[in-house]
Amino acid sequence: MRARLALPVALLAAISVTATACQSSSGTNSTASDAKGTPSAASGAADYNPTPYDRIKDGGTYTTAGTFDDQGNPFNVNATLTASRVWAWYNADAITYSPTGDVQYNPDYYSDVKVSVEGGNQKVTLTINPKAVFNDGTPIDWTAIKATWQANNGSNKAYAASSTDGYDQITSVEKGRDAKQAVISFKGVNASWSALFTTFLHPKAATVDNFDKAYVKKAHPEWGAGPYTVGSWDTHSGNITFVRNPKWWGRKGKLDKRVYVNLESTAAVNAFRNGQLDYVSAVDAESLKQVKGLKGTEIRSGGSPFEYALYFNTKSPVLGDKAVRRAIEETVDRTQIARIQFQGLDYKEPLPGSAMLYSFQKGYADNVSAVLKYAPDAAGKELDAAGWKTGSDGIRAKDGKKLEVGYTLLGDDPLGKATAGAFAAMLKRAGIRLVIHKADDADFSSILSERKFDLFVSGNRSMDPFGARYLCDFYCSDRASNITGSGTPALDKEIRATADIADLDRQIAAVNKVERTALQEYAFLPLYSGPSTYAVKKGLANVGATIFYTPLPETVGWQK
């Protein structure tokens, strides 16, 4: 699953653009650097105080900033990282990953998993824990797996699914030896199948109407399962409290309560300083300064599988011209944008080169550099050739229309404002006027789903290590998740052909090749990644910079 997040940084996002520690929870993390001291890869360190279950106290409260998102169903195309984070506290966490991406099956849900290949086609048999039951008393069985597949496989366009990739490769989900066994049959082989069923939907939640609407500003604990359930949700304040679930059959949650308090980023830092929160993202140099050195606090910092990028709305009148899009990309100095983000911090990383993999992952390639160079002078010549002539005011025009491009800025985050200003100065050099439109954080989902932008900076965080499977989500012309609207049917065909490659190494090589073609649509420009950095109260276990790891809720708590 890929979860979209907004700029400025969502409070629940497992990211922040701040300094990275060299020491990881499992040892040191060192990479080679160039002559300027820029490492060859972003940080792959994890730092989250890994603590065994039996070394965690019974009881206590864990409080952070955060709230429900507009769309609370993480399978829906309009869901963001916030939805995924909140969902995991009262729904199934059936498959998770280690920080480096190793698959981990949760026996409280899947008591046995078998994968086989017969005649070139893969079969996955999930045996579900006999005790597993949804909170409304409905048994968790093969029908939940089937319902999840049917809602996400793309056969019914009424479902606004975030991603159909992988689900559309499944030919059937059938009952096995009994209702507690699901047999999943694929056409071909899918090496990253585990990412499809890390969690699942209650069959009632998988109807078209409920899939799209039931979780909008609502929780449905009766359709959930797990060690915690919703204790209270104040729809006025946005505050949420999770409590132990009396219907849970597995290891009990260590915490008495897990609390989300609806606060903006600045207020969250102040609340942490006042002892009201146990954990907060340090999103910039100023917030890090505010929390560093506080008594009883430690800073946990490491890498993040996330990336911010500049999105172009190819359906807007001026950005429908590929020459304009290319000129903008050639005019954007990504090094300067990264410098703004990391100002005052002892952190460096190479510029990101792909939407699929991160530079610390095997198979990563810098596909952006293969097709694009920072070349503002060349951009000017290309705009001249396309008929955009510079006027007396320095702004280009064509057929009597000024070359003006909108930029949508969310919130009042200082880094966001500085970034917008930098874009404006860069584009002005090429004779392009950037018109900045301010919007509220709450407008994020509608801005994207309704394409109410020309240029927009947003990010994506990988919830699993299988980046190659998301190629179509980013670049297929017929996907709602491709918010740029770019692409062609011919490119779609090339993209979808990569999904049929069973060997992961060969698949990644093919994906890199196709991504280089897709990037030549000049509609999507990776900008920066950065590490995750948090201020955490000492003794908080299994919380921090976890890379691909999502600790099970019952393992979060306070050390003995």
Protein backbone atom coordinates (compact mmCIF):
# COMPACT_ATOMS: atom_id res chain seq x y z
CA MET A 1 0.00 0.00 0.00
CA ARG A 2 1.17 3.51 -0.82
CA ALA A 3 -0.29 6.22 1.37
CA ARG A 4 -0.46 9.80 0.16
CA LEU A 5 0.35 12.63 2.51
CA ALA A 6 0.18 16.39 2.30
CA LEU A 7 2.64 19.26 2.56
CA PRO A 8 2.97 20.56 5.19
CA VAL A 9 3.76 17.30 6.93
CA ALA A 10 0.74 15.44 8.26
CA LEU A 11 1.09 15.05 12.01
CA LEU A 12 0.59 11.30 11.82
CA ALA A 13 3.00 10.88 8.93
CA ALA A 14 5.99 8.74 9.73
CA ILE A 15 8.29 11.39 8.34
CA SER A 16 10.00 14.62 9.11
CA VAL A 17 12.64 16.60 7.34
CA THR A 18 15.30 16.82 9.99
CA ALA A 19 18.71 15.55 10.95
CA THR A 20 19.38 11.84 10.82
CA ALA A 21 21.22 9.82 13.40
CA CYS A 22 24.11 7.64 12.28
CA GLN A 23 23.30 4.99 14.86
CA SER A 24 20.40 2.68 14.10
CA SER A 25 18.58 0.37 16.47
CA SER A 26 20.33 -2.58 14.90
CA GLY A 27 23.78 -1.11 14.45
CA THR A 28 25.48 1.60 12.44
CA ASN A 29 24.33 2.85 9.08
CA SER A 30 27.10 4.18 6.90
CA THR A 31 27.19 4.95 3.19
CA ALA A 32 29.83 6.24 0.84
CA SER A 33 29.87 9.98 0.09
CA ASP A 34 30.98 12.09 -2.83
CA ALA A 35 33.51 14.93 -2.74
CA LYS A 36 30.86 17.33 -1.42
CA GLY A 37 29.98 14.98 1.42
CA THR A 38 26.64 13.91 -0.10
CA PRO A 39 26.03 10.22 0.60
CA SER A 40 25.40 7.86 -2.29
CA ALA A 41 22.11 6.76 -0.72
CA ALA A 42 19.58 8.17 1.74
CA SER A 43 19.63 6.90 5.30
CA GLY A 44 18.38 3.36 5.78
CA ALA A 45 18.76 3.45 9.58
CA ALA A 46 15.98 2.49 11.99
CA ASP A 47 15.65 4.00 15.47
CA TYR A 48 12.57 3.04 17.48
CA ASN A 49 13.68 1.37 20.76
CA PRO A 50 12.75 -2.21 19.78
CA THR A 51 11.53 -3.93 22.94
CA PRO A 52 10.21 -7.50 23.46
CA TYR A 53 6.57 -7.83 24.47
CA ASP A 54 7.42 -9.23 27.93
CA ARG A 55 9.64 -6.22 28.69
CA ILE A 56 6.74 -3.77 28.33
CA LYS A 57 4.65 -2.63 31.30
CA ASP A 58 0.96 -3.41 31.57
CA GLY A 59 -1.01 -0.18 31.57
CA GLY A 60 -0.37 3.45 30.79
CA THR A 61 -1.48 5.88 28.11
CA TYR A 62 0.22 6.84 24.85
CA THR A 63 -0.80 10.24 23.50
CA THR A 64 0.15 11.89 20.21
CA ALA A 65 -1.21 14.56 17.89
CA GLY A 66 -3.52 13.39 15.13
CA THR A 67 -7.12 12.84 14.12
CA PHE A 68 -9.38 11.00 11.70
CA ASP A 69 -8.94 11.89 8.07
CA ASP A 70 -11.88 12.76 5.77
CA GLN A 71 -11.66 9.30 4.19
CA GLY A 72 -10.92 6.65 6.81
CA ASN A 73 -10.86 3.62 4.49
CA PRO A 74 -7.19 3.08 3.55
CA PHE A 75 -8.16 1.12 0.43
CA ASN A 76 -9.95 4.18 -1.00
CA VAL A 77 -8.14 6.40 -3.50
CA ASN A 78 -8.85 9.50 -1.38
CA ALA A 79 -7.30 8.07 1.79
CA THR A 80 -4.00 9.44 3.08
CA LEU A 81 -1.35 8.17 5.46
CA THR A 82 -3.44 9.43 8.36
CA ALA A 83 -6.20 6.98 7.46
CA SER A 84 -3.75 4.06 7.34
CA ARG A 85 -2.27 4.94 10.72
CA VAL A 86 -5.61 5.29 12.50
CA TRP A 87 -7.06 2.22 10.77
CA ALA A 88 -4.25 0.04 12.12
CA TRP A 89 -5.28 0.77 15.73
CA TYR A 90 -8.73 -0.80 15.43
CA ASN A 91 -8.53 -3.13 12.43
CA ALA A 92 -6.52 -6.19 11.46
CA ASP A 93 -2.73 -5.95 11.18
CA ALA A 94 -2.40 -9.36 9.58
CA ILE A 95 0.90 -8.91 7.71
CA THR A 96 3.67 -6.49 8.60
CA TYR A 97 7.27 -6.01 7.49
CA SER A 98 10.59 -5.71 9.23
CA PRO A 99 12.45 -2.37 8.89
CA THR A 100 14.32 -3.84 5.90
CA GLY A 101 11.16 -5.27 4.32
CA ASP A 102 11.05 -8.93 5.39
CA VAL A 103 7.50 -10.33 5.49
CA GLN A 104 6.03 -11.06 8.95
CA TYR A 105 2.75 -13.00 9.29
CA ASN A 106 0.65 -12.32 12.39
CA PRO A 107 -0.54 -15.70 13.76
CA ASP A 108 -3.47 -14.04 15.53
CA TYR A 109 -4.98 -13.66 12.04
CA TYR A 110 -3.16 -16.02 9.68
CA SER A 111 -2.27 -19.23 11.51
CA ASP A 112 -0.69 -20.70 8.37
CA VAL A 113 0.38 -19.38 4.95
CA LYS A 114 1.34 -21.55 1.99
CA VAL A 115 2.53 -20.31 -1.41
CA SER A 116 2.89 -22.63 -4.40
CA VAL A 117 3.28 -22.35 -8.18
CA GLU A 118 1.64 -24.84 -10.50
CA GLY A 119 1.80 -24.55 -14.29
CA GLY A 120 3.26 -21.06 -13.98
CA ASN A 121 0.37 -19.80 -11.84
CA GLN A 122 0.66 -18.93 -8.16
CA LYS A 123 -1.65 -20.10 -5.43
CA VAL A 124 -1.70 -18.66 -1.91
CA THR A 125 -3.54 -20.53 0.86
CA LEU A 126 -4.34 -18.47 3.95
CA THR A 127 -5.49 -20.44 6.97
CA ILE A 128 -7.24 -18.03 9.31
CA ASN A 129 -7.03 -18.32 13.09
CA PRO A 130 -10.12 -20.24 14.32
CA LYS A 131 -10.65 -17.61 17.04
CA ALA A 132 -10.58 -14.65 14.63
CA VAL A 133 -13.83 -12.70 14.63
CA PHE A 134 -14.94 -9.17 13.79
CA ASN A 135 -16.23 -7.08 16.67
CA ASP A 136 -19.85 -7.49 15.53
CA GLY A 137 -19.54 -11.27 15.91
CA THR A 138 -19.04 -12.06 12.22
CA PRO A 139 -16.34 -14.74 11.82
CA ILE A 140 -13.20 -13.59 9.99
CA ASP A 141 -13.03 -16.15 7.19
CA TRP A 142 -12.45 -16.55 3.47
CA THR A 143 -15.31 -14.17 2.64
CA ALA A 144 -13.36 -11.22 4.08
CA ILE A 145 -10.44 -12.02 1.78
CA LYS A 146 -12.81 -12.39 -1.17
CA ALA A 147 -14.62 -9.13 -0.37
CA THR A 148 -11.32 -7.26 -0.13
CA TRP A 149 -10.24 -8.65 -3.52
CA GLN A 150 -13.55 -7.83 -5.21
CA ALA A 151 -13.53 -4.24 -3.96
CA ASN A 152 -9.98 -3.63 -5.19
CA ASN A 153 -9.56 -5.64 -8.40
CA GLY A 154 -10.88 -2.94 -10.74
CA SER A 155 -13.65 -5.04 -12.31
CA ASN A 156 -16.31 -2.77 -10.83
CA LYS A 157 -15.42 0.86 -11.60
CA ALA A 158 -17.88 2.09 -8.97
CA TYR A 159 -15.26 1.28 -6.32
CA ALA A 160 -12.85 4.21 -5.90
CA ALA A 161 -9.94 1.87 -5.13
CA SER A 162 -6.51 3.28 -4.33
CA SER A 163 -4.73 0.55 -6.28
CA THR A 164 -5.90 -2.42 -8.31
CA ASP A 165 -2.38 -3.69 -9.01
CA GLY A 166 -1.96 -7.28 -7.88
CA TYR A 167 -5.65 -7.67 -7.08
CA ASP A 168 -6.35 -7.62 -10.83
CA GLN A 169 -3.95 -10.53 -11.24
CA ILE A 170 -6.08 -12.74 -8.97
CA THR A 171 -8.45 -15.03 -10.88
CA SER A 172 -10.40 -16.32 -7.88
CA VAL A 173 -10.68 -16.41 -4.10
CA GLU A 174 -12.37 -19.60 -2.93
CA LYS A 175 -13.19 -21.45 0.27
CA GLY A 176 -10.55 -24.03 1.17
CA ARG A 177 -11.04 -27.06 3.41
CA ASP A 178 -13.50 -24.99 5.48
CA ALA A 179 -14.65 -21.38 5.83
CA LYS A 180 -11.49 -20.52 7.78
CA GLN A 181 -9.28 -21.11 4.75
CA ALA A 182 -9.01 -18.81 1.70
CA VAL A 183 -7.41 -20.10 -1.50
CA ILE A 184 -6.19 -17.25 -3.70
CA SER A 185 -5.37 -18.11 -7.34
CA PHE A 186 -3.26 -15.82 -9.51
CA LYS A 187 -2.71 -15.57 -13.22
CA GLY A 188 1.06 -15.88 -13.32
CA VAL A 189 3.24 -15.22 -10.28
CA ASN A 190 3.06 -12.24 -7.93
CA ALA A 191 6.12 -12.05 -5.70
CA SER A 192 4.71 -9.12 -3.71
CA TRP A 193 1.28 -10.67 -3.03
CA SER A 194 1.61 -10.12 0.74
CA ALA A 195 1.08 -6.38 0.26
CA LEU A 196 -2.48 -7.10 -0.92
CA PHE A 197 -3.72 -8.63 2.34
CA THR A 198 -1.82 -6.86 5.12
CA THR A 199 -5.29 -5.96 6.37
CA PHE A 200 -8.78 -6.71 5.06
CA LEU A 201 -12.33 -5.42 4.98
CA HIS A 202 -15.39 -6.69 6.77
CA PRO A 203 -17.72 -7.96 4.01
CA LYS A 204 -20.26 -5.30 5.01
CA ALA A 205 -17.63 -2.60 4.55
CA ALA A 206 -16.87 -3.90 1.05
CA THR A 207 -20.13 -2.94 -0.63
CA VAL A 208 -19.74 -0.12 -3.16
CA ASP A 209 -21.61 2.39 -1.04
CA ASN A 210 -19.80 1.56 2.19
CA PHE A 211 -16.38 1.31 0.55
CA ASP A 212 -16.65 4.88 -0.73
CA LYS A 213 -18.82 6.57 1.92
CA ALA A 214 -19.12 4.66 5.21
CA TYR A 215 -15.74 5.77 6.58
CA VAL A 216 -16.00 9.43 5.56
CA LYS A 217 -15.41 11.26 8.86
CA LYS A 218 -16.61 8.14 10.67
CA ALA A 219 -15.20 5.08 12.37
CA HIS A 220 -16.83 1.66 12.29
CA PRO A 221 -15.40 -0.25 15.25
CA GLU A 222 -18.08 -2.94 14.85
CA TRP A 223 -16.44 -3.89 11.52
CA GLY A 224 -12.97 -3.87 13.05
CA ALA A 225 -10.85 -6.37 14.97
CA GLY A 226 -7.72 -6.31 17.07
CA PRO A 227 -6.34 -5.66 20.54
CA TYR A 228 -7.85 -2.16 20.61
CA THR A 229 -11.15 -0.62 19.60
CA VAL A 230 -12.56 2.89 19.51
CA GLY A 231 -13.33 4.10 23.02
CA SER A 232 -14.43 7.60 22.08
CA TRP A 233 -14.28 9.89 19.07
CA ASP A 234 -15.22 13.52 19.61
CA THR A 235 -16.50 14.64 16.20
CA HIS A 236 -16.29 18.28 17.32
CA SER A 237 -12.67 18.32 18.50
CA GLY A 238 -11.45 15.42 16.38
CA ASN A 239 -9.88 13.71 19.40
CA ILE A 240 -9.85 9.90 19.41
CA THR A 241 -9.25 7.39 22.21
CA PHE A 242 -8.61 3.69 21.66
CA VAL A 243 -9.09 1.24 24.52
CA ARG A 244 -8.50 -2.48 24.97
CA ASN A 245 -10.92 -4.60 22.97
CA PRO A 246 -12.76 -7.10 25.22
CA LYS A 247 -13.50 -9.25 22.15
CA TRP A 248 -9.83 -9.70 21.23
CA TRP A 249 -8.51 -13.28 21.22
CA GLY A 250 -4.76 -12.64 20.92
CA ARG A 251 -2.05 -11.04 23.05
CA LYS A 252 -3.67 -8.19 24.95
CA GLY A 253 -2.61 -4.62 24.30
CA LYS A 254 -0.11 -3.33 26.84
CA LEU A 255 -1.62 0.14 26.98
CA ASP A 256 -4.80 1.12 28.83
CA LYS A 257 -5.40 3.88 26.28
CA ARG A 258 -4.00 5.19 23.03
CA VAL A 259 -5.04 8.81 22.47
CA TYR A 260 -4.95 11.10 19.43
CA VAL A 261 -5.35 14.83 20.12
CA ASN A 262 -6.25 17.05 17.16
CA LEU A 263 -3.48 19.68 17.06
CA GLU A 264 -1.63 21.60 14.36
CA SER A 265 2.14 21.07 14.13
CA THR A 266 3.22 24.16 16.11
CA ALA A 267 0.65 23.46 18.82
CA ALA A 268 1.78 19.83 18.93
CA VAL A 269 5.39 20.82 19.63
CA ASN A 270 4.22 23.11 22.45
CA ALA A 271 2.00 20.35 23.84
CA PHE A 272 4.97 17.99 23.86
CA ARG A 273 7.10 20.57 25.66
CA ASN A 274 4.32 20.91 28.26
CA GLY A 275 4.20 17.15 28.81
CA GLN A 276 0.79 16.66 27.17
CA LEU A 277 2.11 14.45 24.37
CA ASP A 278 4.46 11.46 24.48
CA TYR A 279 5.77 11.78 20.94
CA VAL A 280 5.95 14.46 18.26
CA SER A 281 7.44 14.89 14.79
CA ALA A 282 10.29 17.38 14.58
CA VAL A 283 9.46 18.69 11.13
CA ASP A 284 12.16 21.34 10.75
CA ALA A 285 15.19 22.89 12.42
CA GLU A 286 13.05 25.16 14.62
CA SER A 287 10.85 22.37 15.98
CA LEU A 288 13.90 20.17 16.57
CA LYS A 289 15.49 23.01 18.54
CA GLN A 290 12.31 23.29 20.63
CA VAL A 291 12.32 19.65 21.71
CA LYS A 292 16.02 18.76 21.81
CA GLY A 293 17.49 18.47 25.28
CA LEU A 294 14.17 18.44 27.14
CA LYS A 295 14.36 16.47 30.38
CA GLY A 296 13.05 12.92 29.98
CA THR A 297 13.13 13.17 26.19
CA GLU A 298 15.19 11.46 23.53
CA ILE A 299 15.47 12.13 19.79
CA ARG A 300 14.92 9.13 17.53
CA SER A 301 15.94 9.59 13.93
CA GLY A 302 16.42 7.40 10.88
CA GLY A 303 15.47 6.87 7.27
CA SER A 304 12.01 7.01 5.73
CA PRO A 305 10.43 5.25 2.76
CA PHE A 306 8.75 8.44 1.55
CA GLU A 307 9.21 11.04 -1.13
CA TYR A 308 7.87 14.48 -1.94
CA ALA A 309 7.35 15.42 -5.57
CA LEU A 310 6.05 18.25 -7.75
CA TYR A 311 2.85 17.20 -9.53
CA PHE A 312 1.68 18.81 -12.77
CA ASN A 313 -2.01 18.85 -13.71
CA THR A 314 -1.81 17.99 -17.41
CA LYS A 315 -5.53 18.70 -17.77
CA SER A 316 -5.09 22.40 -16.94
CA PRO A 317 -4.95 24.64 -20.05
CA VAL A 318 -1.36 25.84 -19.81
CA LEU A 319 0.15 22.59 -18.52
CA GLY A 320 -1.45 20.58 -21.29
CA ASP A 321 1.57 21.78 -23.31
CA LYS A 322 4.38 19.27 -22.76
CA ALA A 323 6.96 21.89 -23.79
CA VAL A 324 5.86 24.08 -20.88
CA ARG A 325 5.99 21.16 -18.44
CA ARG A 326 9.48 20.21 -19.58
CA ALA A 327 10.70 23.80 -19.33
CA ILE A 328 9.38 24.05 -15.77
CA GLU A 329 11.15 20.83 -14.77
CA GLU A 330 14.41 22.01 -16.33
CA THR A 331 14.07 25.32 -14.47
CA VAL A 332 13.45 23.80 -11.03
CA ASP A 333 16.70 23.59 -9.08
CA ARG A 334 15.98 20.54 -6.94
CA THR A 335 19.23 21.03 -5.03
CA GLN A 336 18.02 24.43 -3.82
CA ILE A 337 14.62 23.00 -2.82
CA ALA A 338 16.36 20.32 -0.76
CA ARG A 339 18.61 22.99 0.78
CA ILE A 340 15.52 24.89 1.95
CA GLN A 341 14.06 21.75 3.51
CA PHE A 342 17.27 20.82 5.29
CA GLN A 343 18.36 24.33 6.27
CA GLY A 344 20.01 24.43 9.68
CA LEU A 345 20.25 20.66 9.81
CA ASP A 346 23.23 18.37 9.56
CA TYR A 347 21.63 16.21 6.89
CA LYS A 348 22.41 15.42 3.24
CA GLU A 349 21.00 12.97 0.72
CA PRO A 350 21.23 12.39 -3.02
CA LEU A 351 18.38 13.82 -5.07
CA PRO A 352 15.68 11.14 -5.51
CA GLY A 353 15.54 9.54 -8.93
CA SER A 354 12.44 7.36 -8.86
CA ALA A 355 8.89 7.12 -7.54
CA MET A 356 9.25 3.35 -7.17
CA LEU A 357 12.26 2.59 -4.99
CA TYR A 358 14.36 4.54 -2.52
CA SER A 359 18.11 4.95 -2.88
CA PHE A 360 18.78 2.62 0.06
CA GLN A 361 16.92 -0.25 -1.66
CA LYS A 362 18.34 -2.93 -3.92
CA GLY A 363 17.51 -2.29 -7.57
CA TYR A 364 17.12 1.47 -7.20
CA ALA A 365 18.10 3.55 -10.24
CA ASP A 366 18.25 7.32 -10.74
CA ASN A 367 15.74 7.44 -13.56
CA VAL A 368 15.17 11.20 -13.26
CA SER A 369 18.79 12.05 -14.09
CA ALA A 370 18.61 9.70 -17.08
CA VAL A 371 15.96 11.87 -18.74
CA LEU A 372 16.26 15.34 -17.17
CA LYS A 373 18.97 17.86 -16.33
CA TYR A 374 18.76 21.19 -14.56
CA ALA A 375 19.04 23.47 -17.59
CA PRO A 376 17.21 26.83 -17.26
CA ASP A 377 18.93 28.30 -20.33
CA ALA A 378 17.85 25.35 -22.48
CA ALA A 379 14.34 25.71 -21.05
CA GLY A 380 14.18 29.28 -22.29
CA LYS A 381 15.18 28.24 -25.81
CA GLU A 382 12.56 25.47 -25.81
CA LEU A 383 9.85 27.94 -24.80
CA ASP A 384 10.99 30.27 -27.58
CA ALA A 385 10.68 27.42 -30.07
CA ALA A 386 7.20 26.60 -28.76
CA GLY A 387 6.06 30.15 -29.46
CA TRP A 388 6.21 31.56 -25.93
CA LYS A 389 7.91 34.96 -26.39
CA THR A 390 9.22 37.13 -23.58
CA GLY A 391 7.31 40.39 -23.04
CA SER A 392 8.52 43.75 -21.72
CA ASP A 393 7.62 42.66 -18.18
CA GLY A 394 9.82 39.55 -18.49
CA ILE A 395 6.83 37.20 -18.64
CA ARG A 396 6.31 35.12 -21.74
CA ALA A 397 3.12 35.15 -23.76
CA LYS A 398 1.61 33.25 -26.67
CA ASP A 399 -1.46 34.21 -28.70
CA GLY A 400 -2.01 37.10 -26.32
CA LYS A 401 -2.05 34.90 -23.21
CA LYS A 402 0.52 35.27 -20.41
CA LEU A 403 2.47 32.20 -19.31
CA GLU A 404 1.03 32.00 -15.81
CA VAL A 405 0.93 28.81 -13.76
CA GLY A 406 -0.87 28.27 -10.46
CA TYR A 407 0.77 26.76 -7.39
CA THR A 408 -1.44 25.49 -4.57
CA LEU A 409 0.05 25.99 -1.10
CA LEU A 410 -1.47 24.24 1.90
CA GLY A 411 -1.46 25.88 5.31
CA ASP A 412 0.99 28.36 6.81
CA ASP A 413 4.01 26.13 7.24
CA PRO A 414 7.19 28.29 6.90
CA LEU A 415 8.99 25.64 4.86
CA GLY A 416 6.02 25.41 2.51
CA LYS A 417 6.03 29.18 2.03
CA ALA A 418 9.78 29.25 1.43
CA THR A 419 9.48 26.45 -1.11
CA ALA A 420 6.69 28.26 -2.98
CA GLY A 421 8.80 31.43 -3.07
CA ALA A 422 11.77 29.50 -4.44
CA PHE A 423 9.65 27.96 -7.19
CA ALA A 424 8.37 31.42 -8.12
CA ALA A 425 11.90 32.85 -8.39
CA MET A 426 13.12 29.90 -10.46
CA LEU A 427 10.23 30.03 -12.92
CA LYS A 428 10.45 33.83 -13.27
CA ARG A 429 13.97 33.38 -14.63
CA ALA A 430 12.42 31.38 -17.51
CA GLY A 431 9.68 33.97 -18.06
CA ILE A 432 6.96 32.04 -16.23
CA ARG A 433 4.80 33.75 -13.60
CA LEU A 434 3.88 31.50 -10.67
CA VAL A 435 0.57 32.46 -9.05
CA ILE A 436 0.40 31.10 -5.50
CA HIS A 437 -3.04 30.00 -4.28
CA LYS A 438 -3.38 29.33 -0.54
CA ALA A 439 -5.61 26.52 0.70
CA ASP A 440 -6.43 24.88 4.03
CA ASP A 441 -4.96 21.53 5.03
CA ALA A 442 -8.51 20.19 5.16
CA ASP A 443 -8.85 20.79 1.40
CA PHE A 444 -6.06 18.33 0.57
CA SER A 445 -8.21 15.39 -0.56
CA SER A 446 -10.56 17.48 -2.70
CA ILE A 447 -7.66 19.37 -4.33
CA LEU A 448 -6.24 16.09 -5.57
CA SER A 449 -9.39 14.13 -6.35
CA GLU A 450 -10.92 17.05 -8.25
CA ARG A 451 -7.58 18.20 -9.74
CA LYS A 452 -8.03 21.74 -8.43
CA PHE A 453 -4.38 22.70 -9.02
CA ASP A 454 -1.80 23.43 -11.71
CA LEU A 455 1.31 22.62 -9.67
CA PHE A 456 1.17 20.92 -6.27
CA VAL A 457 3.73 19.40 -3.92
CA SER A 458 2.64 16.20 -2.23
CA GLY A 459 4.28 13.07 -0.90
CA ASN A 460 3.85 9.33 -0.79
CA ARG A 461 4.96 6.90 1.89
CA SER A 462 5.45 3.21 1.15
CA MET A 463 3.73 0.89 3.58
CA ASP A 464 5.56 -2.09 2.06
CA PRO A 465 8.93 -2.63 0.34
CA PHE A 466 7.55 -3.62 -3.10
CA GLY A 467 7.88 -0.34 -4.96
CA ALA A 468 7.80 -1.91 -8.42
CA ARG A 469 4.13 -2.85 -8.03
CA TYR A 470 3.09 0.82 -7.88
CA LEU A 471 4.30 1.80 -11.35
CA CYS A 472 0.75 1.91 -12.75
CA ASP A 473 -0.59 3.88 -9.79
CA PHE A 474 1.80 6.71 -10.61
CA TYR A 475 1.89 6.64 -14.39
CA CYS A 476 -1.10 4.80 -15.96
CA SER A 477 -3.36 7.25 -17.80
CA ASP A 478 -6.55 5.48 -16.66
CA ARG A 479 -5.79 5.45 -12.91
CA ALA A 480 -7.44 7.85 -10.49
CA SER A 481 -4.30 7.60 -8.37
CA ASN A 482 -2.33 9.23 -11.22
CA ILE A 483 -3.33 12.73 -10.18
CA THR A 484 -1.34 14.34 -13.00
CA GLY A 485 -3.64 12.83 -15.64
CA SER A 486 -0.63 12.15 -17.85
CA GLY A 487 0.20 9.10 -19.94
CA THR A 488 -0.96 7.27 -23.04
CA PRO A 489 -2.60 3.91 -23.80
CA ALA A 490 0.67 2.73 -25.37
CA LEU A 491 2.60 3.59 -22.21
CA ASP A 492 -0.11 1.92 -20.09
CA LYS A 493 0.51 -1.29 -22.02
CA GLU A 494 4.26 -1.15 -21.33
CA ILE A 495 3.62 -0.44 -17.66
CA ARG A 496 1.17 -3.32 -17.22
CA ALA A 497 3.55 -5.75 -18.91
CA THR A 498 5.98 -5.33 -15.98
CA ALA A 499 3.41 -6.83 -13.60
CA ASP A 500 3.68 -10.17 -15.41
CA ILE A 501 7.40 -10.58 -14.58
CA ALA A 502 7.67 -13.11 -11.75
CA ASP A 503 11.32 -12.55 -10.82
CA LEU A 504 11.61 -9.45 -8.61
CA ASP A 505 15.07 -8.44 -9.86
CA ARG A 506 14.00 -8.68 -13.50
CA GLN A 507 10.77 -6.89 -12.72
CA ILE A 508 12.58 -3.98 -11.05
CA ALA A 509 14.95 -3.67 -14.03
CA ALA A 510 11.96 -3.53 -16.40
CA VAL A 511 10.16 -1.03 -14.16
CA ASN A 512 13.19 1.27 -14.15
CA LYS A 513 13.27 1.20 -17.96
CA VAL A 514 9.56 2.01 -18.28
CA GLU A 515 9.72 4.71 -15.61
CA ARG A 516 12.35 6.52 -17.68
CA THR A 517 9.81 6.62 -20.50
CA ALA A 518 7.01 7.74 -18.17
CA LEU A 519 9.12 10.57 -16.75
CA GLN A 520 9.38 11.99 -20.26
CA GLU A 521 5.74 13.02 -19.93
CA TYR A 522 7.24 15.74 -17.67
CA ALA A 523 4.31 15.66 -15.29
CA PHE A 524 5.95 14.39 -12.10
CA LEU A 525 9.24 15.54 -10.56
CA PRO A 526 10.67 13.89 -7.41
CA LEU A 527 12.07 16.59 -5.11
CA TYR A 528 13.40 15.17 -1.84
CA SER A 529 12.96 12.48 0.78
CA GLY A 530 14.66 13.14 4.11
CA PRO A 531 14.74 11.19 7.36
CA SER A 532 12.20 10.60 10.10
CA THR A 533 12.97 12.43 13.34
CA TYR A 534 10.89 12.41 16.50
CA ALA A 535 11.03 13.64 20.06
CA VAL A 536 9.93 10.79 22.30
CA LYS A 537 9.50 10.43 26.04
CA LYS A 538 12.13 8.07 27.36
CA GLY A 539 10.90 4.54 27.89
CA LEU A 540 8.40 4.54 25.04
CA ALA A 541 8.85 1.19 23.29
CA ASN A 542 8.62 0.31 19.60
CA VAL A 543 7.95 3.86 18.40
CA GLY A 544 10.07 6.04 16.13
CA ALA A 545 11.81 5.77 12.78
CA THR A 546 10.80 2.28 11.65
CA ILE A 547 11.33 2.38 7.82
CA PHE A 548 8.98 -0.39 6.52
CA TYR A 549 8.16 -1.75 9.98
CA THR A 550 4.74 -1.11 11.54
CA PRO A 551 4.85 -2.36 15.14
CA LEU A 552 1.75 -4.31 16.15
CA PRO A 553 -0.47 -2.15 18.42
CA GLU A 554 -0.20 -4.59 21.31
CA THR A 555 3.60 -4.18 21.33
CA VAL A 556 3.53 -0.39 21.78
CA GLY A 557 3.86 0.79 25.36
CA TRP A 558 6.26 1.72 28.14
CA GLN A 559 9.36 -0.24 29.11
CA LYS A 560 9.46 -1.94 32.48
